[in-house]
Amino acid sequence: MEEATGLAGPGMLAYVLEPSPPAVGEPPFFADDPATHDPARADAATIVTPTTAGDMTWDELVASKPELAEFAADHWLGARRPLPAVPVGYPAARDGFHRLGYSVIAEARRRSNTKFGLRYTHGGFGTPFFGDDQQVRVEGATIVVQSADSSDTAPITSISAAAAFVGVEPTTIAAEHDSPELGDVDEDLGATEETGQFLGEWFGFSWAVIEELRLTEGAVDVERTQLWPGHFDAATAMGDVEAGRRATFGMSPGDATHDEPYIYVAAWGDVDRSDGYWNETTFNGASLTYSDLRGADDEYVAALEFVRGGYERLNR
């Protein structure tokens, strides 16, 4: 956030999608929220946000300062570039990153404050800042351990090597839906640089879409966006559960029944299957495939319209 504010220029306070220090030590979230802004920090004339929550969007800032387009695109703040093609051998490599994120990266945060939710970080995924401004994250095929202004890096090989580098015992204690098995902790994870970079792009895109979805007018009981290490997807939930109108809105990098990434709306109550929107057969809801998403004229708009379409159907 500090770097972004410096680039935005005098009189600006610029928010980003990635976790920003300082670490948040207050419950219940122990993390900052990129879809909102703290009035106590609004000591600038203009609040710049990656969503429509502020005074100016990053796209509007880039329009006045084209030199910021590359930075905005690289961090999924605005000037968004097209999504890349799925790498060769993607499912196996993705699953390696999933096991790593679940048993090591999330565990580093859980040991500090009991929370195991992850976030999009530049070039990959990782924890919000915790403790004494610490963060553990993945960039491409590299693990980064950040402590204040210093960082150490190591290539991703096995779970046991990653755990030793991070300083945790690999575990599946934070069990949740679709959690992967710990497996052989000494085997090579097959976590390739190409797939790591692809996941960074997907999660950055996902955060941009879901944080804007959270601002849907009239949305009820909106949850924080998290990258859940069990299912390894970015998701939020919205809607009145007692009225049967609540759903989970997520962006998955793929799973056992989907080789490629997909966007989904998983309803908590009944859906009208006569409406072709509710097309998913592996869960109670709807999905948009990565192939169909990449065929859209504007992928960001298409993704946002898809998830908002689910909310609107459930809340008519």
C-alpha atoms as a PDB file:
ATOM      1  CA  MET A   1       0.000   0.000   0.000  1.00  0.00           C
ATOM      2  CA  GLU A   2       2.864   2.377   0.813  1.00  0.00           C
ATOM      3  CA  GLU A   3       4.431   1.803  -2.612  1.00  0.00           C
ATOM      4  CA  ALA A   4       1.089   2.298  -4.370  1.00  0.00           C
ATOM      5  CA  THR A   5       0.409   5.537  -2.496  1.00  0.00           C
ATOM      6  CA  GLY A   6       3.839   6.831  -3.436  1.00  0.00           C
ATOM      7  CA  LEU A   7       3.188   6.082  -7.102  1.00  0.00           C
ATOM      8  CA  ALA A   8      -0.277   7.655  -7.006  1.00  0.00           C
ATOM      9  CA  GLY A   9       1.239  10.974  -5.992  1.00  0.00           C
ATOM     10  CA  PRO A  10       0.617  13.831  -3.564  1.00  0.00           C
ATOM     11  CA  GLY A  11      -2.846  14.081  -2.055  1.00  0.00           C
ATOM     12  CA  MET A  12      -3.602  10.412  -2.749  1.00  0.00           C
ATOM     13  CA  LEU A  13      -4.088   7.362  -0.525  1.00  0.00           C
ATOM     14  CA  ALA A  14      -3.982   4.241  -2.683  1.00  0.00           C
ATOM     15  CA  TYR A  15      -5.337   0.851  -1.659  1.00  0.00           C
ATOM     16  CA  VAL A  16      -4.313  -2.499  -3.147  1.00  0.00           C
ATOM     17  CA  LEU A  17      -5.701  -6.033  -3.203  1.00  0.00           C
ATOM     18  CA  GLU A  18      -2.712  -7.608  -1.449  1.00  0.00           C
ATOM     19  CA  PRO A  19      -2.193  -7.723   2.324  1.00  0.00           C
ATOM     20  CA  SER A  20      -0.455  -4.613   3.631  1.00  0.00           C
ATOM     21  CA  PRO A  21       1.514  -4.065   6.812  1.00  0.00           C
ATOM     22  CA  PRO A  22       1.270  -3.309   9.648  1.00  0.00           C
ATOM     23  CA  ALA A  23      -0.079  -6.601  10.946  1.00  0.00           C
ATOM     24  CA  VAL A  24      -3.579  -6.417  12.405  1.00  0.00           C
ATOM     25  CA  GLY A  25      -3.639  -7.763  15.945  1.00  0.00           C
ATOM     26  CA  GLU A  26      -7.343  -7.337  16.689  1.00  0.00           C
ATOM     27  CA  PRO A  27      -9.940 -10.113  16.386  1.00  0.00           C
ATOM     28  CA  PRO A  28     -11.930 -11.463  14.746  1.00  0.00           C
ATOM     29  CA  PHE A  29     -10.088 -11.258  11.411  1.00  0.00           C
ATOM     30  CA  PHE A  30      -6.498 -10.336  12.296  1.00  0.00           C
ATOM     31  CA  ALA A  31      -6.178  -8.927   8.775  1.00  0.00           C
ATOM     32  CA  ASP A  32      -6.813  -5.808   6.711  1.00  0.00           C
ATOM     33  CA  ASP A  33      -9.752  -5.601   4.294  1.00  0.00           C
ATOM     34  CA  PRO A  34      -8.965  -4.320   0.770  1.00  0.00           C
ATOM     35  CA  ALA A  35     -12.631  -3.731  -0.108  1.00  0.00           C
ATOM     36  CA  THR A  36     -12.966  -1.018   2.509  1.00  0.00           C
ATOM     37  CA  HIS A  37     -10.809   1.825   3.745  1.00  0.00           C
ATOM     38  CA  ASP A  38      -9.991   2.998   7.239  1.00  0.00           C
ATOM     39  CA  PRO A  39     -11.252   6.561   7.822  1.00  0.00           C
ATOM     40  CA  ALA A  40      -8.451   7.042  10.346  1.00  0.00           C
ATOM     41  CA  ARG A  41      -5.946   6.678   7.495  1.00  0.00           C
ATOM     42  CA  ALA A  42      -7.831   8.969   5.122  1.00  0.00           C
ATOM     43  CA  ASP A  43      -5.443  11.875   5.511  1.00  0.00           C
ATOM     44  CA  ALA A  44      -5.414  12.447   1.767  1.00  0.00           C
ATOM     45  CA  ALA A  45      -7.698  14.399  -0.514  1.00  0.00           C
ATOM     46  CA  THR A  46      -8.435  11.396  -2.741  1.00  0.00           C
ATOM     47  CA  ILE A  47      -8.868   7.713  -1.881  1.00  0.00           C
ATOM     48  CA  VAL A  48      -7.845   5.430  -4.761  1.00  0.00           C
ATOM     49  CA  THR A  49      -9.207   1.876  -4.636  1.00  0.00           C
ATOM     50  CA  PRO A  50      -9.193  -1.242  -6.847  1.00  0.00           C
ATOM     51  CA  THR A  51     -12.971  -1.298  -6.385  1.00  0.00           C
ATOM     52  CA  THR A  52     -15.668   1.376  -6.549  1.00  0.00           C
ATOM     53  CA  ALA A  53     -15.464   1.909  -2.770  1.00  0.00           C
ATOM     54  CA  GLY A  54     -13.229   4.990  -2.885  1.00  0.00           C
ATOM     55  CA  ASP A  55     -13.157   8.409  -4.500  1.00  0.00           C
ATOM     56  CA  MET A  56     -11.326   7.165  -7.588  1.00  0.00           C
ATOM     57  CA  THR A  57     -10.679   3.760  -9.126  1.00  0.00           C
ATOM     58  CA  TRP A  58      -7.261   2.657 -10.270  1.00  0.00           C
ATOM     59  CA  ASP A  59      -8.563   2.671 -13.848  1.00  0.00           C
ATOM     60  CA  GLU A  60      -9.440   6.337 -13.452  1.00  0.00           C
ATOM     61  CA  LEU A  61      -6.013   7.049 -11.984  1.00  0.00           C
ATOM     62  CA  VAL A  62      -4.309   5.233 -14.873  1.00  0.00           C
ATOM     63  CA  ALA A  63      -6.341   7.283 -17.348  1.00  0.00           C
ATOM     64  CA  SER A  64      -4.736  10.419 -15.917  1.00  0.00           C
ATOM     65  CA  LYS A  65      -1.335   8.806 -15.347  1.00  0.00           C
ATOM     66  CA  PRO A  66      -0.726   6.221 -18.107  1.00  0.00           C
ATOM     67  CA  GLU A  67       2.732   5.516 -16.712  1.00  0.00           C
ATOM     68  CA  LEU A  68       1.018   3.607 -13.889  1.00  0.00           C
ATOM     69  CA  ALA A  69      -0.705   1.155 -16.236  1.00  0.00           C
ATOM     70  CA  GLU A  70       1.983  -1.523 -15.944  1.00  0.00           C
ATOM     71  CA  PHE A  71       1.993  -1.390 -12.136  1.00  0.00           C
ATOM     72  CA  ALA A  72      -1.815  -1.482 -11.994  1.00  0.00           C
ATOM     73  CA  ALA A  73      -2.028  -4.418 -14.386  1.00  0.00           C
ATOM     74  CA  ASP A  74       0.757  -6.325 -12.626  1.00  0.00           C
ATOM     75  CA  HIS A  75      -1.135  -6.087  -9.314  1.00  0.00           C
ATOM     76  CA  TRP A  76      -4.661  -6.531 -10.762  1.00  0.00           C
ATOM     77  CA  LEU A  77      -5.727  -3.048  -9.703  1.00  0.00           C
ATOM     78  CA  GLY A  78      -6.779  -1.790 -13.124  1.00  0.00           C
ATOM     79  CA  ALA A  79      -5.676  -1.727 -16.784  1.00  0.00           C
ATOM     80  CA  ARG A  80      -6.239  -5.488 -16.585  1.00  0.00           C
ATOM     81  CA  ARG A  81      -4.552  -7.716 -19.125  1.00  0.00           C
ATOM     82  CA  PRO A  82      -6.127 -10.873 -20.613  1.00  0.00           C
ATOM     83  CA  LEU A  83      -5.909 -14.060 -18.610  1.00  0.00           C
ATOM     84  CA  PRO A  84      -3.153 -16.452 -19.748  1.00  0.00           C
ATOM     85  CA  ALA A  85      -3.546 -19.913 -21.229  1.00  0.00           C
ATOM     86  CA  VAL A  86      -3.571 -22.838 -18.815  1.00  0.00           C
ATOM     87  CA  PRO A  87      -0.045 -24.310 -18.520  1.00  0.00           C
ATOM     88  CA  VAL A  88       0.810 -27.799 -19.735  1.00  0.00           C
ATOM     89  CA  GLY A  89       0.559 -30.335 -16.902  1.00  0.00           C
ATOM     90  CA  TYR A  90      -1.476 -27.879 -14.854  1.00  0.00           C
ATOM     91  CA  PRO A  91      -3.668 -30.144 -12.641  1.00  0.00           C
ATOM     92  CA  ALA A  92      -0.750 -32.026 -11.062  1.00  0.00           C
ATOM     93  CA  ALA A  93       1.314 -28.880 -10.478  1.00  0.00           C
ATOM     94  CA  ARG A  94      -1.732 -27.032  -9.100  1.00  0.00           C
ATOM     95  CA  ASP A  95      -2.328 -29.851  -6.641  1.00  0.00           C
ATOM     96  CA  GLY A  96       1.263 -29.540  -5.451  1.00  0.00           C
ATOM     97  CA  PHE A  97       0.761 -25.862  -4.687  1.00  0.00           C
ATOM     98  CA  HIS A  98      -2.531 -26.743  -2.981  1.00  0.00           C
ATOM     99  CA  ARG A  99      -0.852 -29.206  -0.615  1.00  0.00           C
ATOM    100  CA  LEU A 100       1.890 -26.681   0.141  1.00  0.00           C
ATOM    101  CA  GLY A 101      -0.551 -23.867   0.827  1.00  0.00           C
ATOM    102  CA  TYR A 102      -2.680 -26.017   3.096  1.00  0.00           C
ATOM    103  CA  SER A 103      -0.029 -27.784   5.169  1.00  0.00           C
ATOM    104  CA  VAL A 104       2.713 -25.136   5.406  1.00  0.00           C
ATOM    105  CA  ILE A 105       1.743 -21.598   4.295  1.00  0.00           C
ATOM    106  CA  ALA A 106      -1.602 -21.526   6.126  1.00  0.00           C
ATOM    107  CA  GLU A 107      -0.063 -23.301   9.116  1.00  0.00           C
ATOM    108  CA  ALA A 108       2.447 -20.477   9.600  1.00  0.00           C
ATOM    109  CA  ARG A 109      -0.436 -18.056  10.189  1.00  0.00           C
ATOM    110  CA  ARG A 110      -2.537 -20.492  12.228  1.00  0.00           C
ATOM    111  CA  ARG A 111       0.266 -20.964  14.754  1.00  0.00           C
ATOM    112  CA  SER A 112       0.385 -17.189  15.282  1.00  0.00           C
ATOM    113  CA  ASN A 113      -3.293 -16.255  15.697  1.00  0.00           C
ATOM    114  CA  THR A 114      -5.431 -19.394  15.021  1.00  0.00           C
ATOM    115  CA  LYS A 115      -6.490 -18.068  11.582  1.00  0.00           C
ATOM    116  CA  PHE A 116      -5.557 -20.067   8.480  1.00  0.00           C
ATOM    117  CA  GLY A 117      -7.203 -18.110   5.646  1.00  0.00           C
ATOM    118  CA  LEU A 118      -4.852 -16.988   2.870  1.00  0.00           C
ATOM    119  CA  ARG A 119      -4.873 -14.131   0.369  1.00  0.00           C
ATOM    120  CA  TYR A 120      -3.737 -13.164  -3.095  1.00  0.00           C
ATOM    121  CA  THR A 121      -0.202 -11.825  -2.974  1.00  0.00           C
ATOM    122  CA  HIS A 122       1.825 -10.402  -5.841  1.00  0.00           C
ATOM    123  CA  GLY A 123       2.780 -13.271  -8.135  1.00  0.00           C
ATOM    124  CA  GLY A 124       1.065 -15.912  -6.046  1.00  0.00           C
ATOM    125  CA  PHE A 125      -0.626 -16.369  -2.695  1.00  0.00           C
ATOM    126  CA  GLY A 126       0.220 -16.158   0.989  1.00  0.00           C
ATOM    127  CA  THR A 127      -0.764 -15.042   4.453  1.00  0.00           C
ATOM    128  CA  PRO A 128      -1.890 -11.632   5.635  1.00  0.00           C
ATOM    129  CA  PHE A 129       0.779 -10.003   7.791  1.00  0.00           C
ATOM    130  CA  PHE A 130       0.857 -11.428  11.314  1.00  0.00           C
ATOM    131  CA  GLY A 131       2.925 -11.172  14.467  1.00  0.00           C
ATOM    132  CA  ASP A 132       5.801  -8.714  14.106  1.00  0.00           C
ATOM    133  CA  ASP A 133       4.917  -7.794  10.492  1.00  0.00           C
ATOM    134  CA  GLN A 134       5.668 -11.282   9.216  1.00  0.00           C
ATOM    135  CA  GLN A 135       4.313 -12.871   6.071  1.00  0.00           C
ATOM    136  CA  VAL A 136       4.785 -16.219   4.334  1.00  0.00           C
ATOM    137  CA  ARG A 137       3.956 -16.317   0.645  1.00  0.00           C
ATOM    138  CA  VAL A 138       4.552 -18.052  -2.670  1.00  0.00           C
ATOM    139  CA  GLU A 139       5.877 -16.211  -5.722  1.00  0.00           C
ATOM    140  CA  GLY A 140       6.079 -18.416  -8.778  1.00  0.00           C
ATOM    141  CA  ALA A 141       7.976 -21.493  -7.587  1.00  0.00           C
ATOM    142  CA  THR A 142       9.606 -19.698  -4.647  1.00  0.00           C
ATOM    143  CA  ILE A 143       8.675 -19.457  -0.966  1.00  0.00           C
ATOM    144  CA  VAL A 144       9.210 -16.053   0.635  1.00  0.00           C
ATOM    145  CA  VAL A 145       9.383 -15.467   4.384  1.00  0.00           C
ATOM    146  CA  GLN A 146       9.019 -11.749   5.072  1.00  0.00           C
ATOM    147  CA  SER A 147       9.955 -10.164   8.391  1.00  0.00           C
ATOM    148  CA  ALA A 148       9.360  -6.408   8.378  1.00  0.00           C
ATOM    149  CA  ASP A 149      11.682  -5.037   5.653  1.00  0.00           C
ATOM    150  CA  SER A 150      13.804  -8.169   5.175  1.00  0.00           C
ATOM    151  CA  SER A 151      12.983 -11.416   3.412  1.00  0.00           C
ATOM    152  CA  ASP A 152      14.421 -14.868   2.794  1.00  0.00           C
ATOM    153  CA  THR A 153      13.597 -17.094  -0.167  1.00  0.00           C
ATOM    154  CA  ALA A 154      13.837 -20.766  -1.056  1.00  0.00           C
ATOM    155  CA  PRO A 155      12.791 -22.824  -4.093  1.00  0.00           C
ATOM    156  CA  ILE A 156       9.735 -25.024  -3.661  1.00  0.00           C
ATOM    157  CA  THR A 157      10.683 -28.695  -3.572  1.00  0.00           C
ATOM    158  CA  SER A 158       8.947 -30.857  -0.941  1.00  0.00           C
ATOM    159  CA  ILE A 159       6.558 -30.157   1.912  1.00  0.00           C
ATOM    160  CA  SER A 160       9.195 -31.185   4.458  1.00  0.00           C
ATOM    161  CA  ALA A 161      11.765 -28.789   2.988  1.00  0.00           C
ATOM    162  CA  ALA A 162       9.238 -25.953   2.847  1.00  0.00           C
ATOM    163  CA  ALA A 163       8.151 -26.559   6.442  1.00  0.00           C
ATOM    164  CA  ALA A 164      11.750 -26.561   7.666  1.00  0.00           C
ATOM    165  CA  PHE A 165      12.406 -23.290   5.825  1.00  0.00           C
ATOM    166  CA  VAL A 166       9.278 -21.614   7.194  1.00  0.00           C
ATOM    167  CA  GLY A 167       9.790 -23.052  10.682  1.00  0.00           C
ATOM    168  CA  VAL A 168       6.563 -25.034  11.118  1.00  0.00           C
ATOM    169  CA  GLU A 169       5.518 -28.643  11.414  1.00  0.00           C
ATOM    170  CA  PRO A 170       3.469 -29.562   8.317  1.00  0.00           C
ATOM    171  CA  THR A 171      -0.023 -30.518   9.357  1.00  0.00           C
ATOM    172  CA  THR A 172      -3.615 -30.952   8.269  1.00  0.00           C
ATOM    173  CA  ILE A 173      -5.002 -29.876  11.640  1.00  0.00           C
ATOM    174  CA  ALA A 174      -7.054 -27.002  10.154  1.00  0.00           C
ATOM    175  CA  ALA A 175      -9.353 -29.435   8.369  1.00  0.00           C
ATOM    176  CA  GLU A 176     -12.015 -27.919   6.131  1.00  0.00           C
ATOM    177  CA  HIS A 177     -14.039 -28.830   3.046  1.00  0.00           C
ATOM    178  CA  ASP A 178     -12.034 -30.570   0.297  1.00  0.00           C
ATOM    179  CA  SER A 179      -8.794 -30.475   2.291  1.00  0.00           C
ATOM    180  CA  PRO A 180      -6.021 -32.439   0.565  1.00  0.00           C
ATOM    181  CA  GLU A 181      -4.190 -35.291   2.252  1.00  0.00           C
ATOM    182  CA  LEU A 182      -0.784 -34.451   3.672  1.00  0.00           C
ATOM    183  CA  GLY A 183       0.721 -37.315   1.663  1.00  0.00           C
ATOM    184  CA  ASP A 184       4.435 -38.025   1.346  1.00  0.00           C
ATOM    185  CA  VAL A 185       6.039 -34.901   2.761  1.00  0.00           C
ATOM    186  CA  ASP A 186       9.403 -35.736   1.184  1.00  0.00           C
ATOM    187  CA  GLU A 187       8.248 -36.140  -2.410  1.00  0.00           C
ATOM    188  CA  ASP A 188       8.808 -33.357  -4.923  1.00  0.00           C
ATOM    189  CA  LEU A 189       5.630 -31.296  -5.251  1.00  0.00           C
ATOM    190  CA  GLY A 190       6.112 -30.609  -8.962  1.00  0.00           C
ATOM    191  CA  ALA A 191       5.336 -26.941  -8.289  1.00  0.00           C
ATOM    192  CA  THR A 192       6.524 -25.392 -11.534  1.00  0.00           C
ATOM    193  CA  GLU A 193       7.328 -21.723 -12.082  1.00  0.00           C
ATOM    194  CA  GLU A 194       4.816 -21.499 -14.937  1.00  0.00           C
ATOM    195  CA  THR A 195       1.949 -22.835 -12.837  1.00  0.00           C
ATOM    196  CA  GLY A 196       2.961 -20.675  -9.872  1.00  0.00           C
ATOM    197  CA  GLN A 197       2.826 -17.573 -12.039  1.00  0.00           C
ATOM    198  CA  PHE A 198      -0.493 -18.720 -13.514  1.00  0.00           C
ATOM    199  CA  LEU A 199      -1.982 -19.121 -10.038  1.00  0.00           C
ATOM    200  CA  GLY A 200      -0.780 -15.624  -9.160  1.00  0.00           C
ATOM    201  CA  GLU A 201      -2.633 -14.235 -12.162  1.00  0.00           C
ATOM    202  CA  TRP A 202      -5.768 -16.226 -11.408  1.00  0.00           C
ATOM    203  CA  PHE A 203      -5.903 -15.236  -7.742  1.00  0.00           C
ATOM    204  CA  GLY A 204      -5.214 -11.582  -8.564  1.00  0.00           C
ATOM    205  CA  PHE A 205      -8.052 -11.597 -11.078  1.00  0.00           C
ATOM    206  CA  SER A 206     -10.253 -13.425  -8.565  1.00  0.00           C
ATOM    207  CA  TRP A 207      -9.639 -10.856  -5.852  1.00  0.00           C
ATOM    208  CA  ALA A 208     -10.458  -7.983  -8.188  1.00  0.00           C
ATOM    209  CA  VAL A 209     -13.799  -9.586  -9.086  1.00  0.00           C
ATOM    210  CA  ILE A 210     -14.869 -10.742  -5.632  1.00  0.00           C
ATOM    211  CA  GLU A 211     -13.951  -7.530  -3.818  1.00  0.00           C
ATOM    212  CA  GLU A 212     -16.176  -5.621  -6.249  1.00  0.00           C
ATOM    213  CA  LEU A 213     -18.931  -8.217  -5.836  1.00  0.00           C
ATOM    214  CA  ARG A 214     -18.876  -7.564  -2.082  1.00  0.00           C
ATOM    215  CA  LEU A 215     -19.937  -3.978  -2.802  1.00  0.00           C
ATOM    216  CA  THR A 216     -23.169  -5.079  -4.531  1.00  0.00           C
ATOM    217  CA  GLU A 217     -25.893  -2.651  -3.499  1.00  0.00           C
ATOM    218  CA  GLY A 218     -28.154  -4.126  -0.837  1.00  0.00           C
ATOM    219  CA  ALA A 219     -25.988  -7.204  -0.290  1.00  0.00           C
ATOM    220  CA  VAL A 220     -26.753  -8.899   3.039  1.00  0.00           C
ATOM    221  CA  ASP A 221     -24.276 -10.355   5.557  1.00  0.00           C
ATOM    222  CA  VAL A 222     -21.219 -10.058   3.326  1.00  0.00           C
ATOM    223  CA  GLU A 223     -18.215 -12.077   4.457  1.00  0.00           C
ATOM    224  CA  ARG A 224     -14.530 -11.260   4.016  1.00  0.00           C
ATOM    225  CA  THR A 225     -12.833 -12.665   0.944  1.00  0.00           C
ATOM    226  CA  GLN A 226     -10.368 -15.418   1.742  1.00  0.00           C
ATOM    227  CA  LEU A 227      -8.331 -17.971  -0.112  1.00  0.00           C
ATOM    228  CA  TRP A 228      -9.501 -21.054   1.709  1.00  0.00           C
ATOM    229  CA  PRO A 229      -6.580 -23.513   1.924  1.00  0.00           C
ATOM    230  CA  GLY A 230      -8.885 -26.548   2.018  1.00  0.00           C
ATOM    231  CA  HIS A 231     -10.560 -26.022  -1.343  1.00  0.00           C
ATOM    232  CA  PHE A 232      -7.806 -23.611  -2.479  1.00  0.00           C
ATOM    233  CA  ASP A 233     -10.270 -21.070  -3.831  1.00  0.00           C
ATOM    234  CA  ALA A 234     -10.927 -17.357  -3.353  1.00  0.00           C
ATOM    235  CA  ALA A 235     -14.444 -16.918  -2.018  1.00  0.00           C
ATOM    236  CA  THR A 236     -16.948 -14.852  -0.082  1.00  0.00           C
ATOM    237  CA  ALA A 237     -20.538 -15.503   1.008  1.00  0.00           C
ATOM    238  CA  MET A 238     -23.549 -13.171   0.866  1.00  0.00           C
ATOM    239  CA  GLY A 239     -27.301 -13.314   1.342  1.00  0.00           C
ATOM    240  CA  ASP A 240     -29.916 -14.073   3.993  1.00  0.00           C
ATOM    241  CA  VAL A 241     -29.420 -17.658   5.139  1.00  0.00           C
ATOM    242  CA  GLU A 242     -32.784 -17.914   6.946  1.00  0.00           C
ATOM    243  CA  ALA A 243     -34.600 -16.885   3.783  1.00  0.00           C
ATOM    244  CA  GLY A 244     -32.682 -19.457   1.733  1.00  0.00           C
ATOM    245  CA  ARG A 245     -30.981 -16.709  -0.277  1.00  0.00           C
ATOM    246  CA  ARG A 246     -27.372 -17.157   0.781  1.00  0.00           C
ATOM    247  CA  ALA A 247     -24.591 -18.512  -1.436  1.00  0.00           C
ATOM    248  CA  THR A 248     -20.843 -18.854  -1.597  1.00  0.00           C
ATOM    249  CA  PHE A 249     -19.336 -16.951  -4.520  1.00  0.00           C
ATOM    250  CA  GLY A 250     -15.932 -18.228  -5.515  1.00  0.00           C
ATOM    251  CA  MET A 251     -13.132 -18.478  -8.027  1.00  0.00           C
ATOM    252  CA  SER A 252     -11.497 -21.900  -7.995  1.00  0.00           C
ATOM    253  CA  PRO A 253      -8.182 -22.771  -9.700  1.00  0.00           C
ATOM    254  CA  GLY A 254      -9.717 -26.185 -10.394  1.00  0.00           C
ATOM    255  CA  ASP A 255     -10.188 -29.358  -8.383  1.00  0.00           C
ATOM    256  CA  ALA A 256     -10.757 -33.095  -8.651  1.00  0.00           C
ATOM    257  CA  THR A 257     -13.762 -32.614 -10.961  1.00  0.00           C
ATOM    258  CA  HIS A 258     -12.545 -29.527 -12.856  1.00  0.00           C
ATOM    259  CA  ASP A 259      -9.128 -29.634 -14.520  1.00  0.00           C
ATOM    260  CA  GLU A 260      -9.149 -25.908 -15.242  1.00  0.00           C
ATOM    261  CA  PRO A 261     -10.122 -22.881 -13.144  1.00  0.00           C
ATOM    262  CA  TYR A 262     -13.792 -21.963 -12.906  1.00  0.00           C
ATOM    263  CA  ILE A 263     -16.078 -19.400 -11.298  1.00  0.00           C
ATOM    264  CA  TYR A 264     -18.925 -20.653  -9.163  1.00  0.00           C
ATOM    265  CA  VAL A 265     -22.013 -19.749  -7.169  1.00  0.00           C
ATOM    266  CA  ALA A 266     -22.794 -22.445  -4.588  1.00  0.00           C
ATOM    267  CA  ALA A 267     -26.292 -21.886  -3.189  1.00  0.00           C
ATOM    268  CA  TRP A 268     -26.978 -22.760   0.436  1.00  0.00           C
ATOM    269  CA  GLY A 269     -30.652 -23.387  -0.315  1.00  0.00           C
ATOM    270  CA  ASP A 270     -32.786 -24.594  -3.202  1.00  0.00           C
ATOM    271  CA  VAL A 271     -32.285 -23.290  -6.753  1.00  0.00           C
ATOM    272  CA  ASP A 272     -34.618 -23.249  -9.738  1.00  0.00           C
ATOM    273  CA  ARG A 273     -33.141 -25.885 -12.025  1.00  0.00           C
ATOM    274  CA  SER A 274     -35.487 -24.820 -14.819  1.00  0.00           C
ATOM    275  CA  ASP A 275     -33.198 -21.779 -15.111  1.00  0.00           C
ATOM    276  CA  GLY A 276     -30.227 -22.846 -17.224  1.00  0.00           C
ATOM    277  CA  TYR A 277     -27.951 -20.624 -15.169  1.00  0.00           C
ATOM    278  CA  TRP A 278     -27.903 -23.314 -12.459  1.00  0.00           C
ATOM    279  CA  ASN A 279     -25.841 -25.669 -14.593  1.00  0.00           C
ATOM    280  CA  GLU A 280     -23.455 -27.337 -12.167  1.00  0.00           C
ATOM    281  CA  THR A 281     -23.834 -31.069 -11.575  1.00  0.00           C
ATOM    282  CA  THR A 282     -21.109 -31.618  -8.956  1.00  0.00           C
ATOM    283  CA  PHE A 283     -22.577 -29.183  -6.406  1.00  0.00           C
ATOM    284  CA  ASN A 284     -25.743 -27.155  -5.812  1.00  0.00           C
ATOM    285  CA  GLY A 285     -25.162 -24.144  -7.995  1.00  0.00           C
ATOM    286  CA  ALA A 286     -23.680 -22.711 -11.166  1.00  0.00           C
ATOM    287  CA  SER A 287     -20.255 -22.483 -12.743  1.00  0.00           C
ATOM    288  CA  LEU A 288     -18.507 -20.652 -15.575  1.00  0.00           C
ATOM    289  CA  THR A 289     -15.572 -22.479 -17.152  1.00  0.00           C
ATOM    290  CA  TYR A 290     -12.196 -20.901 -17.761  1.00  0.00           C
ATOM    291  CA  SER A 291     -12.542 -21.555 -21.485  1.00  0.00           C
ATOM    292  CA  ASP A 292     -15.856 -19.693 -21.624  1.00  0.00           C
ATOM    293  CA  LEU A 293     -14.468 -16.870 -19.518  1.00  0.00           C
ATOM    294  CA  ARG A 294     -11.482 -16.390 -21.845  1.00  0.00           C
ATOM    295  CA  GLY A 295     -13.868 -16.151 -24.773  1.00  0.00           C
ATOM    296  CA  ALA A 296     -15.490 -13.015 -23.351  1.00  0.00           C
ATOM    297  CA  ASP A 297     -14.766  -9.555 -24.760  1.00  0.00           C
ATOM    298  CA  ASP A 298     -14.056  -8.293 -21.228  1.00  0.00           C
ATOM    299  CA  GLU A 299     -13.161 -11.104 -18.837  1.00  0.00           C
ATOM    300  CA  TYR A 300     -13.483  -8.979 -15.695  1.00  0.00           C
ATOM    301  CA  VAL A 301     -16.959  -7.754 -16.638  1.00  0.00           C
ATOM    302  CA  ALA A 302     -18.033 -11.273 -17.642  1.00  0.00           C
ATOM    303  CA  ALA A 303     -16.861 -12.732 -14.324  1.00  0.00           C
ATOM    304  CA  LEU A 304     -18.541 -10.002 -12.273  1.00  0.00           C
ATOM    305  CA  GLU A 305     -21.785 -10.321 -14.215  1.00  0.00           C
ATOM    306  CA  PHE A 306     -21.778 -14.084 -13.680  1.00  0.00           C
ATOM    307  CA  VAL A 307     -21.451 -13.969  -9.886  1.00  0.00           C
ATOM    308  CA  ARG A 308     -23.811 -11.014  -9.569  1.00  0.00           C
ATOM    309  CA  GLY A 309     -26.271 -12.924 -11.734  1.00  0.00           C
ATOM    310  CA  GLY A 310     -26.340 -15.647  -9.108  1.00  0.00           C
ATOM    311  CA  TYR A 311     -26.916 -13.187  -6.281  1.00  0.00           C
ATOM    312  CA  GLU A 312     -29.718 -11.484  -8.191  1.00  0.00           C
ATOM    313  CA  ARG A 313     -31.438 -14.780  -8.945  1.00  0.00           C
ATOM    314  CA  LEU A 314     -31.368 -15.782  -5.288  1.00  0.00           C
ATOM    315  CA  ASN A 315     -32.605 -12.376  -4.109  1.00  0.00           C
ATOM    316  CA  ARG A 316     -35.431 -11.576  -6.506  1.00  0.00           C
END
